[in-house]
Amino acid sequence: MSGKELKCATSPKGANKSQTKREKLQKRIAKAQQQGRYNKVKALEYLLKNSERQSLAENK
């Protein structure tokens, strides 16, 4: 691949939005982990897990 993202023709329009939301949460988790804020890591992981569940439920 030449650095371009491949888009699936069957993917919903909101897929990119949910993907960027997940990426932001993952970055926040990494930052909190580096700072040693383990309770914040757990809270953000909870949000990440539930946002993935919600996006899967919406796509059905």
PDB file of N, CA and C in Angstrom:
ATOM      1  N   MET A   1       0.842  -1.185   0.000  1.00  0.00           N
ATOM      2  CA  MET A   1       0.000   0.000   0.000  1.00  0.00           C
ATOM      3  C   MET A   1       0.881   1.240   0.000  1.00  0.00           C
ATOM      4  N   SER A   2       0.383   2.271  -0.597  1.00  0.00           N
ATOM      5  CA  SER A   2       1.172   3.489  -0.731  1.00  0.00           C
ATOM      6  C   SER A   2       0.789   4.556   0.277  1.00  0.00           C
ATOM      7  N   GLY A   3       0.397   4.163   1.462  1.00  0.00           N
ATOM      8  CA  GLY A   3       0.057   5.116   2.505  1.00  0.00           C
ATOM      9  C   GLY A   3      -1.384   5.592   2.457  1.00  0.00           C
ATOM     10  N   LYS A   4      -2.136   5.155   1.461  1.00  0.00           N
ATOM     11  CA  LYS A   4      -3.539   5.541   1.362  1.00  0.00           C
ATOM     12  C   LYS A   4      -4.385   4.500   2.069  1.00  0.00           C
ATOM     13  N   GLU A   5      -5.454   4.974   2.674  1.00  0.00           N
ATOM     14  CA  GLU A   5      -6.359   4.054   3.349  1.00  0.00           C
ATOM     15  C   GLU A   5      -7.280   3.418   2.316  1.00  0.00           C
ATOM     16  N   LEU A   6      -7.516   2.142   2.483  1.00  0.00           N
ATOM     17  CA  LEU A   6      -8.476   1.458   1.636  1.00  0.00           C
ATOM     18  C   LEU A   6      -9.833   1.531   2.296  1.00  0.00           C
ATOM     19  N   LYS A   7     -10.833   1.850   1.520  1.00  0.00           N
ATOM     20  CA  LYS A   7     -12.175   1.956   2.059  1.00  0.00           C
ATOM     21  C   LYS A   7     -13.018   0.832   1.507  1.00  0.00           C
ATOM     22  N   CYS A   8     -13.754   0.208   2.376  1.00  0.00           N
ATOM     23  CA  CYS A   8     -14.641  -0.876   1.992  1.00  0.00           C
ATOM     24  C   CYS A   8     -15.946  -0.267   1.494  1.00  0.00           C
ATOM     25  N   ALA A   9     -16.448  -0.765   0.388  1.00  0.00           N
ATOM     26  CA  ALA A   9     -17.669  -0.224  -0.189  1.00  0.00           C
ATOM     27  C   ALA A   9     -18.880  -0.491   0.686  1.00  0.00           C
ATOM     28  N   THR A  10     -18.822  -1.518   1.515  1.00  0.00           N
ATOM     29  CA  THR A  10     -19.975  -1.869   2.328  1.00  0.00           C
ATOM     30  C   THR A  10     -19.929  -1.252   3.715  1.00  0.00           C
ATOM     31  N   SER A  11     -18.867  -0.534   4.054  1.00  0.00           N
ATOM     32  CA  SER A  11     -18.765   0.035   5.397  1.00  0.00           C
ATOM     33  C   SER A  11     -19.673   1.252   5.530  1.00  0.00           C
ATOM     34  N   PRO A  12     -20.285   1.424   6.701  1.00  0.00           N
ATOM     35  CA  PRO A  12     -21.160   2.579   6.907  1.00  0.00           C
ATOM     36  C   PRO A  12     -20.352   3.863   6.981  1.00  0.00           C
ATOM     37  N   LYS A  13     -21.022   4.977   6.742  1.00  0.00           N
ATOM     38  CA  LYS A  13     -20.349   6.275   6.742  1.00  0.00           C
ATOM     39  C   LYS A  13     -19.759   6.629   8.094  1.00  0.00           C
ATOM     40  N   GLY A  14     -20.364   6.175   9.169  1.00  0.00           N
ATOM     41  CA  GLY A  14     -19.905   6.498  10.510  1.00  0.00           C
ATOM     42  C   GLY A  14     -18.709   5.681  10.965  1.00  0.00           C
ATOM     43  N   ALA A  15     -18.243   4.766  10.134  1.00  0.00           N
ATOM     44  CA  ALA A  15     -17.137   3.893  10.533  1.00  0.00           C
ATOM     45  C   ALA A  15     -15.860   4.694  10.773  1.00  0.00           C
ATOM     46  N   ASN A  16     -15.566   5.656   9.915  1.00  0.00           N
ATOM     47  CA  ASN A  16     -14.360   6.461  10.096  1.00  0.00           C
ATOM     48  C   ASN A  16     -14.447   7.295  11.362  1.00  0.00           C
ATOM     49  N   LYS A  17     -15.621   7.779  11.672  1.00  0.00           N
ATOM     50  CA  LYS A  17     -15.821   8.591  12.866  1.00  0.00           C
ATOM     51  C   LYS A  17     -15.570   7.770  14.129  1.00  0.00           C
ATOM     52  N   SER A  18     -16.107   6.545  14.149  1.00  0.00           N
ATOM     53  CA  SER A  18     -15.909   5.698  15.325  1.00  0.00           C
ATOM     54  C   SER A  18     -14.459   5.242  15.429  1.00  0.00           C
ATOM     55  N   GLN A  19     -13.802   5.081  14.276  1.00  0.00           N
ATOM     56  CA  GLN A  19     -12.400   4.672  14.286  1.00  0.00           C
ATOM     57  C   GLN A  19     -11.529   5.775  14.870  1.00  0.00           C
ATOM     58  N   THR A  20     -11.782   7.015  14.504  1.00  0.00           N
ATOM     59  CA  THR A  20     -10.980   8.113  15.050  1.00  0.00           C
ATOM     60  C   THR A  20     -11.258   8.289  16.537  1.00  0.00           C
ATOM     61  N   LYS A  21     -12.498   8.035  16.944  1.00  0.00           N
ATOM     62  CA  LYS A  21     -12.841   8.118  18.368  1.00  0.00           C
ATOM     63  C   LYS A  21     -12.063   7.068  19.163  1.00  0.00           C
ATOM     64  N   ARG A  22     -11.995   5.845  18.610  1.00  0.00           N
ATOM     65  CA  ARG A  22     -11.230   4.777  19.263  1.00  0.00           C
ATOM     66  C   ARG A  22      -9.745   5.125  19.322  1.00  0.00           C
ATOM     67  N   GLU A  23      -9.220   5.682  18.244  1.00  0.00           N
ATOM     68  CA  GLU A  23      -7.802   6.051  18.212  1.00  0.00           C
ATOM     69  C   GLU A  23      -7.482   7.110  19.265  1.00  0.00           C
ATOM     70  N   LYS A  24      -8.365   8.078  19.430  1.00  0.00           N
ATOM     71  CA  LYS A  24      -8.158   9.114  20.447  1.00  0.00           C
ATOM     72  C   LYS A  24      -8.156   8.512  21.847  1.00  0.00           C
ATOM     73  N   LEU A  25      -9.100   7.588  22.081  1.00  0.00           N
ATOM     74  CA  LEU A  25      -9.150   6.929  23.386  1.00  0.00           C
ATOM     75  C   LEU A  25      -7.883   6.117  23.626  1.00  0.00           C
ATOM     76  N   GLN A  26      -7.392   5.434  22.596  1.00  0.00           N
ATOM     77  CA  GLN A  26      -6.175   4.642  22.737  1.00  0.00           C
ATOM     78  C   GLN A  26      -4.967   5.524  23.054  1.00  0.00           C
ATOM     79  N   LYS A  27      -4.905   6.690  22.443  1.00  0.00           N
ATOM     80  CA  LYS A  27      -3.815   7.627  22.740  1.00  0.00           C
ATOM     81  C   LYS A  27      -3.900   8.131  24.175  1.00  0.00           C
ATOM     82  N   ARG A  28      -5.139   8.411  24.635  1.00  0.00           N
ATOM     83  CA  ARG A  28      -5.320   8.858  26.019  1.00  0.00           C
ATOM     84  C   ARG A  28      -4.933   7.766  27.004  1.00  0.00           C
ATOM     85  N   ILE A  29      -5.246   6.509  26.658  1.00  0.00           N
ATOM     86  CA  ILE A  29      -4.876   5.384  27.517  1.00  0.00           C
ATOM     87  C   ILE A  29      -3.356   5.279  27.606  1.00  0.00           C
ATOM     88  N   ALA A  30      -2.675   5.391  26.479  1.00  0.00           N
ATOM     89  CA  ALA A  30      -1.212   5.298  26.465  1.00  0.00           C
ATOM     90  C   ALA A  30      -0.587   6.416  27.294  1.00  0.00           C
ATOM     91  N   LYS A  31      -1.118   7.625  27.165  1.00  0.00           N
ATOM     92  CA  LYS A  31      -0.592   8.761  27.920  1.00  0.00           C
ATOM     93  C   LYS A  31      -0.795   8.574  29.425  1.00  0.00           C
ATOM     94  N   ALA A  32      -1.979   8.114  29.811  1.00  0.00           N
ATOM     95  CA  ALA A  32      -2.262   7.883  31.226  1.00  0.00           C
ATOM     96  C   ALA A  32      -1.376   6.764  31.779  1.00  0.00           C
ATOM     97  N   GLN A  33      -1.128   5.738  30.962  1.00  0.00           N
ATOM     98  CA  GLN A  33      -0.260   4.629  31.375  1.00  0.00           C
ATOM     99  C   GLN A  33       1.161   5.139  31.638  1.00  0.00           C
ATOM    100  N   GLN A  34       1.656   5.992  30.761  1.00  0.00           N
ATOM    101  CA  GLN A  34       3.001   6.536  30.929  1.00  0.00           C
ATOM    102  C   GLN A  34       3.110   7.395  32.175  1.00  0.00           C
ATOM    103  N   GLN A  35       2.021   8.073  32.519  1.00  0.00           N
ATOM    104  CA  GLN A  35       2.012   8.930  33.700  1.00  0.00           C
ATOM    105  C   GLN A  35       1.744   8.160  34.982  1.00  0.00           C
ATOM    106  N   GLY A  36       1.446   6.874  34.849  1.00  0.00           N
ATOM    107  CA  GLY A  36       1.190   6.049  36.021  1.00  0.00           C
ATOM    108  C   GLY A  36      -0.186   6.245  36.626  1.00  0.00           C
ATOM    109  N   ARG A  37      -1.124   6.736  35.848  1.00  0.00           N
ATOM    110  CA  ARG A  37      -2.485   6.986  36.333  1.00  0.00           C
ATOM    111  C   ARG A  37      -3.358   5.776  36.004  1.00  0.00           C
ATOM    112  N   TYR A  38      -3.205   4.728  36.813  1.00  0.00           N
ATOM    113  CA  TYR A  38      -3.800   3.438  36.498  1.00  0.00           C
ATOM    114  C   TYR A  38      -5.324   3.433  36.625  1.00  0.00           C
ATOM    115  N   ASN A  39      -5.875   4.215  37.548  1.00  0.00           N
ATOM    116  CA  ASN A  39      -7.337   4.296  37.633  1.00  0.00           C
ATOM    117  C   ASN A  39      -7.912   4.974  36.395  1.00  0.00           C
ATOM    118  N   LYS A  40      -7.204   5.965  35.877  1.00  0.00           N
ATOM    119  CA  LYS A  40      -7.642   6.627  34.651  1.00  0.00           C
ATOM    120  C   LYS A  40      -7.559   5.656  33.475  1.00  0.00           C
ATOM    121  N   VAL A  41      -6.524   4.824  33.449  1.00  0.00           N
ATOM    122  CA  VAL A  41      -6.374   3.822  32.392  1.00  0.00           C
ATOM    123  C   VAL A  41      -7.580   2.887  32.406  1.00  0.00           C
ATOM    124  N   LYS A  42      -7.953   2.420  33.593  1.00  0.00           N
ATOM    125  CA  LYS A  42      -9.089   1.509  33.699  1.00  0.00           C
ATOM    126  C   LYS A  42     -10.377   2.174  33.233  1.00  0.00           C
ATOM    127  N   ALA A  43     -10.566   3.434  33.587  1.00  0.00           N
ATOM    128  CA  ALA A  43     -11.769   4.159  33.188  1.00  0.00           C
ATOM    129  C   ALA A  43     -11.823   4.339  31.671  1.00  0.00           C
ATOM    130  N   LEU A  44     -10.689   4.684  31.075  1.00  0.00           N
ATOM    131  CA  LEU A  44     -10.643   4.876  29.627  1.00  0.00           C
ATOM    132  C   LEU A  44     -10.816   3.561  28.880  1.00  0.00           C
ATOM    133  N   GLU A  45     -10.268   2.482  29.423  1.00  0.00           N
ATOM    134  CA  GLU A  45     -10.448   1.170  28.804  1.00  0.00           C
ATOM    135  C   GLU A  45     -11.920   0.779  28.816  1.00  0.00           C
ATOM    136  N   TYR A  46     -12.604   1.111  29.898  1.00  0.00           N
ATOM    137  CA  TYR A  46     -14.042   0.843  29.985  1.00  0.00           C
ATOM    138  C   TYR A  46     -14.776   1.599  28.882  1.00  0.00           C
ATOM    139  N   LEU A  47     -14.446   2.878  28.707  1.00  0.00           N
ATOM    140  CA  LEU A  47     -15.081   3.668  27.657  1.00  0.00           C
ATOM    141  C   LEU A  47     -14.792   3.084  26.283  1.00  0.00           C
ATOM    142  N   LEU A  48     -13.562   2.669  26.061  1.00  0.00           N
ATOM    143  CA  LEU A  48     -13.174   2.103  24.779  1.00  0.00           C
ATOM    144  C   LEU A  48     -13.954   0.827  24.497  1.00  0.00           C
ATOM    145  N   LYS A  49     -14.025  -0.037  25.481  1.00  0.00           N
ATOM    146  CA  LYS A  49     -14.721  -1.309  25.310  1.00  0.00           C
ATOM    147  C   LYS A  49     -16.198  -1.083  25.014  1.00  0.00           C
ATOM    148  N   ASN A  50     -16.826  -0.185  25.740  1.00  0.00           N
ATOM    149  CA  ASN A  50     -18.251   0.055  25.543  1.00  0.00           C
ATOM    150  C   ASN A  50     -18.544   0.833  24.268  1.00  0.00           C
ATOM    151  N   SER A  51     -17.629   1.674  23.818  1.00  0.00           N
ATOM    152  CA  SER A  51     -17.854   2.375  22.558  1.00  0.00           C
ATOM    153  C   SER A  51     -17.776   1.392  21.398  1.00  0.00           C
ATOM    154  N   GLU A  52     -16.910   0.379  21.495  1.00  0.00           N
ATOM    155  CA  GLU A  52     -16.834  -0.637  20.447  1.00  0.00           C
ATOM    156  C   GLU A  52     -18.111  -1.461  20.426  1.00  0.00           C
ATOM    157  N   ARG A  53     -18.629  -1.810  21.595  1.00  0.00           N
ATOM    158  CA  ARG A  53     -19.880  -2.559  21.661  1.00  0.00           C
ATOM    159  C   ARG A  53     -21.013  -1.759  21.032  1.00  0.00           C
ATOM    160  N   GLN A  54     -21.057  -0.464  21.343  1.00  0.00           N
ATOM    161  CA  GLN A  54     -22.116   0.384  20.833  1.00  0.00           C
ATOM    162  C   GLN A  54     -22.035   0.499  19.319  1.00  0.00           C
ATOM    163  N   SER A  55     -20.830   0.667  18.777  1.00  0.00           N
ATOM    164  CA  SER A  55     -20.693   0.801  17.326  1.00  0.00           C
ATOM    165  C   SER A  55     -21.065  -0.499  16.622  1.00  0.00           C
ATOM    166  N   LEU A  56     -20.752  -1.636  17.248  1.00  0.00           N
ATOM    167  CA  LEU A  56     -21.138  -2.924  16.664  1.00  0.00           C
ATOM    168  C   LEU A  56     -22.655  -3.083  16.670  1.00  0.00           C
ATOM    169  N   ALA A  57     -23.300  -2.656  17.745  1.00  0.00           N
ATOM    170  CA  ALA A  57     -24.753  -2.757  17.849  1.00  0.00           C
ATOM    171  C   ALA A  57     -25.449  -1.847  16.831  1.00  0.00           C
ATOM    172  N   GLU A  58     -24.880  -0.671  16.576  1.00  0.00           N
ATOM    173  CA  GLU A  58     -25.475   0.260  15.634  1.00  0.00           C
ATOM    174  C   GLU A  58     -25.340  -0.236  14.203  1.00  0.00           C
ATOM    175  N   ASN A  59     -24.285  -0.982  13.918  1.00  0.00           N
ATOM    176  CA  ASN A  59     -24.030  -1.434  12.560  1.00  0.00           C
ATOM    177  C   ASN A  59     -24.833  -2.660  12.166  1.00  0.00           C
ATOM    178  N   LYS A  60     -25.572  -3.244  13.084  1.00  0.00           N
ATOM    179  CA  LYS A  60     -26.364  -4.444  12.762  1.00  0.00           C
ATOM    180  C   LYS A  60     -27.588  -4.103  11.986  1.00  0.00           C
TER     181      LYS A  60
END
